Amino acid sequence: MADPLSVTASIVVLVTAAIQSTKSLNVAVKRYMERDKTLRRLQAELDDLTKVLEALNTEFSYWFSGLGEDRVYER
């Protein structure tokens, strides 16, 4: 028959490993569930960046076409 202390130590090791595995799985599930929110936030930021870059493109195109030379000093 096995030593009771060894059996107890083995059980503690198994329970500790199960707890760590459960915590890791919980974190993974939470990250997976939050991915849609993260993707929506990223999409919104990319949309905002696109608008800023389009505005810059329009401004530079206007300025480099020679039509906006007077506008530089208006601001």
C-alpha atoms as a PDB file:
ATOM      1  CA  MET A   1       0.000   0.000   0.000  1.00  0.00           C
ATOM      2  CA  ALA A   2       1.195   3.530  -0.762  1.00  0.00           C
ATOM      3  CA  ASP A   3       2.397   5.911   1.867  1.00  0.00           C
ATOM      4  CA  PRO A   4      -0.476   8.279   2.880  1.00  0.00           C
ATOM      5  CA  LEU A   5       1.838  11.289   2.735  1.00  0.00           C
ATOM      6  CA  SER A   6       2.862  10.453  -0.849  1.00  0.00           C
ATOM      7  CA  VAL A   7      -0.752   9.980  -1.876  1.00  0.00           C
ATOM      8  CA  THR A   8      -1.707  13.314  -0.286  1.00  0.00           C
ATOM      9  CA  ALA A   9       1.217  15.094  -1.966  1.00  0.00           C
ATOM     10  CA  SER A  10       0.254  13.596  -5.331  1.00  0.00           C
ATOM     11  CA  ILE A  11      -3.331  14.735  -4.909  1.00  0.00           C
ATOM     12  CA  VAL A  12      -2.194  18.253  -4.002  1.00  0.00           C
ATOM     13  CA  VAL A  13       0.000  18.362  -7.115  1.00  0.00           C
ATOM     14  CA  LEU A  14      -2.877  17.179  -9.317  1.00  0.00           C
ATOM     15  CA  VAL A  15      -5.336  19.668  -7.796  1.00  0.00           C
ATOM     16  CA  THR A  16      -2.830  22.521  -8.188  1.00  0.00           C
ATOM     17  CA  ALA A  17      -2.267  21.606 -11.836  1.00  0.00           C
ATOM     18  CA  ALA A  18      -6.034  21.417 -12.405  1.00  0.00           C
ATOM     19  CA  ILE A  19      -6.509  24.856 -10.845  1.00  0.00           C
ATOM     20  CA  GLN A  20      -3.784  26.388 -13.038  1.00  0.00           C
ATOM     21  CA  SER A  21      -5.229  24.746 -16.150  1.00  0.00           C
ATOM     22  CA  THR A  22      -8.710  25.990 -15.302  1.00  0.00           C
ATOM     23  CA  LYS A  23      -7.427  29.542 -14.780  1.00  0.00           C
ATOM     24  CA  SER A  24      -5.569  29.479 -18.096  1.00  0.00           C
ATOM     25  CA  LEU A  25      -8.614  28.165 -19.906  1.00  0.00           C
ATOM     26  CA  ASN A  26     -10.769  30.844 -18.298  1.00  0.00           C
ATOM     27  CA  VAL A  27      -8.393  33.573 -19.520  1.00  0.00           C
ATOM     28  CA  ALA A  28      -8.389  32.085 -23.029  1.00  0.00           C
ATOM     29  CA  VAL A  29     -12.185  31.957 -23.135  1.00  0.00           C
ATOM     30  CA  LYS A  30     -12.480  35.567 -21.939  1.00  0.00           C
ATOM     31  CA  ARG A  31     -10.024  36.729 -24.619  1.00  0.00           C
ATOM     32  CA  TYR A  32     -11.932  34.814 -27.265  1.00  0.00           C
ATOM     33  CA  MET A  33     -15.223  36.347 -26.159  1.00  0.00           C
ATOM     34  CA  GLU A  34     -13.761  39.872 -26.173  1.00  0.00           C
ATOM     35  CA  ARG A  35     -12.327  39.568 -29.683  1.00  0.00           C
ATOM     36  CA  ASP A  36     -15.461  40.973 -31.341  1.00  0.00           C
ATOM     37  CA  LYS A  37     -15.312  44.091 -29.174  1.00  0.00           C
ATOM     38  CA  THR A  38     -11.608  44.459 -29.920  1.00  0.00           C
ATOM     39  CA  LEU A  39     -12.178  44.023 -33.660  1.00  0.00           C
ATOM     40  CA  ARG A  40     -14.988  46.610 -33.649  1.00  0.00           C
ATOM     41  CA  ARG A  41     -12.733  49.064 -31.819  1.00  0.00           C
ATOM     42  CA  LEU A  42      -9.910  48.402 -34.289  1.00  0.00           C
ATOM     43  CA  GLN A  43     -12.295  48.885 -37.235  1.00  0.00           C
ATOM     44  CA  ALA A  44     -13.446  52.226 -35.814  1.00  0.00           C
ATOM     45  CA  GLU A  45      -9.847  53.365 -35.364  1.00  0.00           C
ATOM     46  CA  LEU A  46      -8.990  52.338 -38.912  1.00  0.00           C
ATOM     47  CA  ASP A  47     -12.022  54.227 -40.228  1.00  0.00           C
ATOM     48  CA  ASP A  48     -10.888  57.342 -38.333  1.00  0.00           C
ATOM     49  CA  LEU A  49      -7.349  56.968 -39.655  1.00  0.00           C
ATOM     50  CA  THR A  50      -8.674  56.609 -43.200  1.00  0.00           C
ATOM     51  CA  LYS A  51     -10.628  59.872 -42.831  1.00  0.00           C
ATOM     52  CA  VAL A  52      -7.566  61.704 -41.519  1.00  0.00           C
ATOM     53  CA  LEU A  53      -5.360  60.379 -44.319  1.00  0.00           C
ATOM     54  CA  GLU A  54      -7.975  61.267 -46.948  1.00  0.00           C
ATOM     55  CA  ALA A  55      -8.191  64.800 -45.544  1.00  0.00           C
ATOM     56  CA  LEU A  56      -4.398  65.106 -45.627  1.00  0.00           C
ATOM     57  CA  ASN A  57      -4.324  63.793 -49.168  1.00  0.00           C
ATOM     58  CA  THR A  58      -6.926  66.331 -50.247  1.00  0.00           C
ATOM     59  CA  GLU A  59      -5.075  69.165 -48.529  1.00  0.00           C
ATOM     60  CA  PHE A  60      -1.701  68.213 -49.978  1.00  0.00           C
ATOM     61  CA  SER A  61      -3.156  67.693 -53.429  1.00  0.00           C
ATOM     62  CA  TYR A  62      -4.720  71.141 -53.268  1.00  0.00           C
ATOM     63  CA  TRP A  63      -1.562  72.720 -51.929  1.00  0.00           C
ATOM     64  CA  PHE A  64       0.795  71.060 -54.414  1.00  0.00           C
ATOM     65  CA  SER A  65      -1.428  71.916 -57.344  1.00  0.00           C
ATOM     66  CA  GLY A  66      -0.522  75.564 -56.756  1.00  0.00           C
ATOM     67  CA  LEU A  67      -4.025  76.510 -55.739  1.00  0.00           C
ATOM     68  CA  GLY A  68      -3.355  76.460 -52.051  1.00  0.00           C
ATOM     69  CA  GLU A  69      -0.296  78.657 -51.824  1.00  0.00           C
ATOM     70  CA  ASP A  70      -2.294  81.517 -50.290  1.00  0.00           C
ATOM     71  CA  ARG A  71      -3.948  79.129 -47.808  1.00  0.00           C
ATOM     72  CA  VAL A  72      -0.632  78.418 -46.060  1.00  0.00           C
ATOM     73  CA  TYR A  73      -0.652  81.887 -44.513  1.00  0.00           C
ATOM     74  CA  GLU A  74      -4.378  81.921 -43.685  1.00  0.00           C
ATOM     75  CA  ARG A  75      -4.048  79.547 -40.725  1.00  0.00           C
END
